[in-house]
Amino acid sequence: MQFLMSYIDSNESDSNSYSTLLLCAMKNPIRIKLPTFPSFSARVLHNWFSIALVLPLFIVGMSTFFMSHEEALGQYVIGYSSEAAEIRDLLTTTDGRTFLATKEGAYQATENTLIPIEALSSEIRMLEQLNDGRILAAGKYGLWISESEGAWVKRYSGDIHGVQIEAQLWYLITKRQGVVISRDQGLSWQKEPQVDQLLSSLEGKRPLMLGDFMKDLHTGEALLGKKYEWIWADILAFVLVLLSLTGVYMWWKSQKRKQALL
């Protein structure tokens, strides 16, 4: 500054112009504008994250509802998958026919292809031939028996994990009812008392793993039991779907209100 003033004094003819420039520079200094980042409030972040998660929350809620009622709703065919079939069992009958049990249903094999059995379009885990030539098919949603002209008749409804045939006695190992027995080829069923008595001796002695407990807590079985866990799933599904729909409605109303103020 001192150098500048001495320069101005030495050039008195231009002192007025230089003084004017100096005063302008002091009053209006050069400002460099740096790039700024947009500022987001917690409310704005909440709103945008809510909008981004609406679809995932809606899907989770709807799928939870269908999963809790899988036995009633899970048997409907809505399309066909391109993935390879997961084989569960294979049966070759005494007359040379071949059947395959898969996760997607049962098929009868021919020379070049597999023919799906329409009545067995859900997961089939076991195939067994009876002495009279009829075939039993057991799976996730029940037990079927083949009759004349390729017809299949359902003899039991439930999740089956094992089948044992002893003369006129049919045993089923089921997920919900334990071991059930039939003495009339599946027309009626009752629990096997000896197995129930043995299983009751394990009450209070089975180890409870942390992973299993967390899973039961997640599904609601630890709170309401296996029979009523679907209530827990339905409540959560309803809440998720409701939050998704009301969130979209509130966002739409706020955008409409902003446009009205412009």
Protein backbone atom coordinates (compact mmCIF):
# COMPACT_ATOMS: atom_id res chain seq x y z
CA MET A 1 0.00 0.00 0.00
CA GLN A 2 2.87 2.37 0.89
CA PHE A 3 4.51 1.73 -2.47
CA LEU A 4 1.26 2.47 -4.27
CA MET A 5 0.75 5.78 -2.44
CA SER A 6 4.31 6.90 -3.18
CA TYR A 7 3.78 6.06 -6.84
CA ILE A 8 0.63 8.12 -6.90
CA ASP A 9 2.39 11.12 -5.29
CA SER A 10 5.12 10.97 -7.93
CA ASN A 11 2.54 11.20 -10.66
CA GLU A 12 0.40 14.09 -9.51
CA SER A 13 -1.21 14.47 -12.90
CA ASP A 14 -2.78 11.04 -12.65
CA SER A 15 -3.32 11.07 -8.89
CA ASN A 16 -7.03 11.62 -9.13
CA SER A 17 -7.56 8.66 -11.46
CA TYR A 18 -5.35 6.37 -9.43
CA SER A 19 -7.05 7.42 -6.19
CA THR A 20 -10.40 6.66 -7.74
CA LEU A 21 -9.26 3.18 -8.81
CA LEU A 22 -7.80 2.48 -5.39
CA LEU A 23 -10.99 3.47 -3.62
CA CYS A 24 -13.05 1.32 -5.98
CA ALA A 25 -10.77 -1.65 -5.36
CA MET A 26 -11.02 -1.24 -1.62
CA LYS A 27 -14.78 -0.89 -1.66
CA ASN A 28 -15.37 -3.73 -4.12
CA PRO A 29 -12.80 -6.44 -3.49
CA ILE A 30 -12.66 -9.42 -5.88
CA ARG A 31 -14.60 -12.40 -4.51
CA ILE A 32 -13.99 -15.95 -5.75
CA LYS A 33 -17.13 -18.08 -5.51
CA LEU A 34 -16.32 -21.66 -4.57
CA PRO A 35 -18.69 -24.50 -5.53
CA THR A 36 -21.22 -25.28 -2.83
CA PHE A 37 -22.89 -28.54 -2.08
CA PRO A 38 -26.66 -28.71 -1.59
CA SER A 39 -27.73 -28.82 2.02
CA PHE A 40 -30.21 -31.51 3.02
CA SER A 41 -32.22 -31.45 6.18
CA ALA A 42 -33.14 -34.63 8.04
CA ARG A 43 -36.72 -34.26 6.80
CA VAL A 44 -35.62 -34.08 3.16
CA LEU A 45 -33.37 -37.12 3.55
CA HIS A 46 -36.22 -39.00 5.24
CA ASN A 47 -38.64 -38.14 2.45
CA TRP A 48 -36.31 -39.20 -0.37
CA PHE A 49 -35.28 -42.43 1.32
CA SER A 50 -38.94 -43.20 1.99
CA ILE A 51 -39.81 -42.73 -1.68
CA ALA A 52 -36.87 -44.93 -2.73
CA LEU A 53 -37.97 -47.72 -0.37
CA VAL A 54 -41.70 -47.65 -1.13
CA LEU A 55 -41.56 -50.39 -3.76
CA PRO A 56 -39.29 -52.76 -1.74
CA LEU A 57 -41.48 -52.33 1.36
CA PHE A 58 -44.64 -52.96 -0.66
CA ILE A 59 -43.15 -56.12 -2.21
CA VAL A 60 -41.97 -57.41 1.18
CA GLY A 61 -45.39 -56.76 2.71
CA MET A 62 -47.35 -58.49 -0.06
CA SER A 63 -44.96 -61.46 -0.26
CA THR A 64 -45.10 -61.87 3.54
CA PHE A 65 -48.87 -62.15 3.35
CA PHE A 66 -48.71 -64.83 0.64
CA MET A 67 -45.97 -66.76 2.46
CA SER A 68 -48.03 -66.90 5.67
CA HIS A 69 -50.90 -68.47 3.68
CA GLU A 70 -48.73 -70.65 1.46
CA GLU A 71 -50.84 -73.78 1.87
CA ALA A 72 -53.93 -72.00 0.54
CA LEU A 73 -52.33 -69.69 -2.05
CA GLY A 74 -49.04 -71.33 -2.96
CA GLN A 75 -50.44 -74.06 -5.21
CA TYR A 76 -51.47 -71.85 -8.11
CA VAL A 77 -49.34 -71.96 -11.27
CA ILE A 78 -48.57 -68.42 -12.49
CA GLY A 79 -45.87 -69.20 -15.06
CA TYR A 80 -42.98 -71.47 -16.00
CA SER A 81 -39.35 -71.20 -14.97
CA SER A 82 -36.32 -71.64 -17.23
CA GLU A 83 -34.18 -73.02 -14.38
CA ALA A 84 -33.24 -76.68 -14.24
CA ALA A 85 -35.62 -78.87 -12.23
CA GLU A 86 -34.55 -79.99 -8.76
CA ILE A 87 -35.11 -83.77 -8.60
CA ARG A 88 -36.48 -85.19 -5.36
CA ASP A 89 -37.20 -88.83 -6.27
CA LEU A 90 -37.22 -91.31 -9.17
CA LEU A 91 -39.50 -94.31 -9.64
CA THR A 92 -39.50 -97.04 -12.28
CA THR A 93 -42.65 -99.16 -12.06
CA THR A 94 -42.94 -102.89 -12.62
CA ASP A 95 -44.46 -102.28 -16.06
CA GLY A 96 -41.51 -100.12 -17.15
CA ARG A 97 -42.90 -96.62 -16.67
CA THR A 98 -40.62 -93.93 -15.22
CA PHE A 99 -41.73 -91.05 -12.99
CA LEU A 100 -39.72 -88.13 -11.65
CA ALA A 101 -40.54 -86.12 -8.53
CA THR A 102 -39.20 -82.56 -8.55
CA LYS A 103 -39.58 -79.37 -6.59
CA GLU A 104 -41.92 -78.06 -9.30
CA GLY A 105 -44.09 -81.20 -9.55
CA ALA A 106 -44.12 -84.77 -10.90
CA TYR A 107 -43.45 -85.90 -14.48
CA GLN A 108 -43.84 -89.09 -16.45
CA ALA A 109 -40.88 -89.84 -18.70
CA THR A 110 -41.21 -90.88 -22.34
CA GLU A 111 -38.48 -91.65 -24.85
CA ASN A 112 -37.59 -88.03 -25.56
CA THR A 113 -39.39 -85.79 -23.07
CA LEU A 114 -41.09 -85.40 -19.70
CA ILE A 115 -44.86 -85.07 -19.51
CA PRO A 116 -46.04 -83.04 -16.50
CA ILE A 117 -48.74 -84.58 -14.34
CA GLU A 118 -51.29 -81.80 -13.94
CA ALA A 119 -52.63 -82.97 -10.57
CA LEU A 120 -49.09 -83.02 -9.14
CA SER A 121 -47.95 -79.50 -10.03
CA SER A 122 -46.57 -78.69 -6.56
CA GLU A 123 -43.41 -79.98 -4.85
CA ILE A 124 -43.35 -83.80 -4.80
CA ARG A 125 -40.73 -85.45 -2.59
CA MET A 126 -41.47 -89.20 -2.68
CA LEU A 127 -42.85 -91.72 -5.15
CA GLU A 128 -43.75 -95.30 -4.23
CA GLN A 129 -45.55 -98.13 -6.01
CA LEU A 130 -48.05 -100.31 -4.17
CA ASN A 131 -48.44 -104.06 -4.63
CA ASP A 132 -51.55 -103.55 -6.77
CA GLY A 133 -49.59 -101.32 -9.20
CA ARG A 134 -50.95 -97.97 -8.07
CA ILE A 135 -48.52 -95.16 -7.28
CA LEU A 136 -48.29 -92.93 -4.23
CA ALA A 137 -46.95 -89.40 -4.58
CA ALA A 138 -46.20 -87.42 -1.41
CA GLY A 139 -45.00 -83.84 -1.14
CA LYS A 140 -45.33 -80.43 0.38
CA TYR A 141 -49.10 -80.19 0.04
CA GLY A 142 -50.29 -83.74 0.57
CA LEU A 143 -50.52 -87.35 -0.58
CA TRP A 144 -51.99 -88.51 -3.89
CA ILE A 145 -52.72 -91.98 -5.25
CA SER A 146 -53.04 -92.92 -8.92
CA GLU A 147 -56.29 -94.47 -10.04
CA SER A 148 -57.52 -95.82 -13.37
CA GLU A 149 -57.03 -93.88 -16.61
CA GLY A 150 -54.28 -91.70 -15.17
CA ALA A 151 -56.43 -89.95 -12.57
CA TRP A 152 -54.86 -88.88 -9.27
CA VAL A 153 -56.90 -88.68 -6.05
CA LYS A 154 -55.75 -86.70 -3.03
CA ARG A 155 -55.80 -88.73 0.19
CA TYR A 156 -54.12 -86.36 2.64
CA SER A 157 -53.56 -82.59 2.91
CA GLY A 158 -50.42 -81.37 4.64
CA ASP A 159 -46.64 -81.11 4.44
CA ILE A 160 -45.23 -84.66 4.20
CA HIS A 161 -41.58 -85.56 4.79
CA GLY A 162 -41.75 -89.36 4.79
CA VAL A 163 -43.90 -92.34 3.73
CA GLN A 164 -43.79 -95.94 4.96
CA ILE A 165 -46.03 -98.74 3.72
CA GLU A 166 -46.42 -101.94 5.78
CA ALA A 167 -49.07 -104.28 4.37
CA GLN A 168 -52.37 -102.47 5.01
CA LEU A 169 -50.79 -99.78 7.21
CA TRP A 170 -49.74 -96.47 5.74
CA TYR A 171 -47.50 -94.19 7.81
CA LEU A 172 -46.91 -90.52 7.01
CA ILE A 173 -44.30 -88.32 8.66
CA THR A 174 -45.83 -84.86 8.55
CA LYS A 175 -44.61 -81.41 9.55
CA ARG A 176 -47.69 -80.31 11.51
CA GLN A 177 -49.20 -83.50 12.98
CA GLY A 178 -46.17 -85.71 13.47
CA VAL A 179 -46.70 -89.35 12.48
CA VAL A 180 -50.18 -90.25 11.24
CA ILE A 181 -51.42 -93.71 10.30
CA SER A 182 -54.14 -95.05 7.99
CA ARG A 183 -55.61 -98.55 7.95
CA ASP A 184 -57.95 -98.00 4.99
CA GLN A 185 -55.54 -96.85 2.26
CA GLY A 186 -55.69 -93.17 3.12
CA LEU A 187 -59.45 -92.74 3.52
CA SER A 188 -59.00 -91.79 7.18
CA TRP A 189 -56.03 -90.85 9.35
CA GLN A 190 -55.18 -90.72 13.02
CA LYS A 191 -52.08 -89.98 15.05
CA GLU A 192 -49.73 -92.82 15.91
CA PRO A 193 -50.00 -93.01 19.73
CA GLN A 194 -46.69 -94.76 20.42
CA VAL A 195 -44.66 -92.18 18.51
CA ASP A 196 -46.54 -89.33 20.22
CA GLN A 197 -45.73 -90.84 23.60
CA LEU A 198 -42.04 -91.12 22.72
CA LEU A 199 -41.91 -87.54 21.44
CA SER A 200 -43.61 -86.24 24.58
CA SER A 201 -40.70 -87.62 26.62
CA LEU A 202 -38.43 -85.08 24.89
CA GLU A 203 -40.35 -82.07 26.18
CA GLY A 204 -37.98 -79.71 27.94
CA LYS A 205 -34.93 -81.71 26.82
CA ARG A 206 -34.47 -80.56 23.24
CA PRO A 207 -31.66 -78.00 22.77
CA LEU A 208 -32.82 -74.55 21.69
CA MET A 209 -30.31 -72.97 19.31
CA LEU A 210 -29.95 -69.20 19.09
CA GLY A 211 -30.40 -69.28 15.30
CA ASP A 212 -33.63 -71.28 15.60
CA PHE A 213 -34.95 -68.97 18.30
CA MET A 214 -34.27 -65.85 16.21
CA LYS A 215 -36.00 -67.47 13.24
CA ASP A 216 -39.05 -68.33 15.37
CA LEU A 217 -39.05 -64.80 16.77
CA HIS A 218 -38.95 -63.41 13.23
CA THR A 219 -41.82 -65.58 11.99
CA GLY A 220 -43.92 -65.10 15.15
CA GLU A 221 -43.85 -68.75 16.21
CA ALA A 222 -41.98 -67.86 19.42
CA LEU A 223 -44.75 -65.39 20.31
CA LEU A 224 -47.98 -67.00 19.08
CA GLY A 225 -47.03 -70.60 18.42
CA LYS A 226 -46.90 -72.53 15.15
CA LYS A 227 -50.66 -72.60 14.76
CA TYR A 228 -51.15 -68.83 14.97
CA GLU A 229 -47.89 -67.48 13.58
CA TRP A 230 -49.77 -66.40 10.45
CA ILE A 231 -51.46 -63.67 12.52
CA TRP A 232 -48.06 -62.10 13.27
CA ALA A 233 -47.08 -62.27 9.59
CA ASP A 234 -50.39 -60.75 8.46
CA ILE A 235 -50.07 -57.84 10.91
CA LEU A 236 -46.55 -57.03 9.73
CA ALA A 237 -47.55 -57.38 6.09
CA PHE A 238 -50.51 -55.03 6.61
CA VAL A 239 -48.32 -52.44 8.37
CA LEU A 240 -45.68 -52.49 5.62
CA VAL A 241 -48.24 -52.15 2.83
CA LEU A 242 -50.10 -49.40 4.73
CA LEU A 243 -46.91 -47.41 5.38
CA SER A 244 -45.93 -47.71 1.71
CA LEU A 245 -49.28 -46.52 0.37
CA THR A 246 -49.76 -43.71 2.90
CA GLY A 247 -46.17 -42.56 2.33
CA VAL A 248 -46.77 -42.24 -1.42
CA TYR A 249 -50.04 -40.39 -0.77
CA MET A 250 -48.40 -37.92 1.65
CA TRP A 251 -45.55 -37.27 -0.80
CA TRP A 252 -48.01 -36.70 -3.64
CA LYS A 253 -50.05 -34.27 -1.51
CA SER A 254 -46.93 -32.29 -0.54
CA GLN A 255 -45.81 -32.01 -4.18
CA LYS A 256 -49.28 -30.87 -5.19
CA ARG A 257 -49.27 -28.27 -2.41
CA LYS A 258 -45.86 -26.92 -3.50
CA GLN A 259 -47.05 -26.56 -7.10
CA ALA A 260 -50.11 -24.61 -5.90
CA LEU A 261 -47.86 -22.10 -4.09
CA LEU A 262 -45.76 -21.37 -7.19
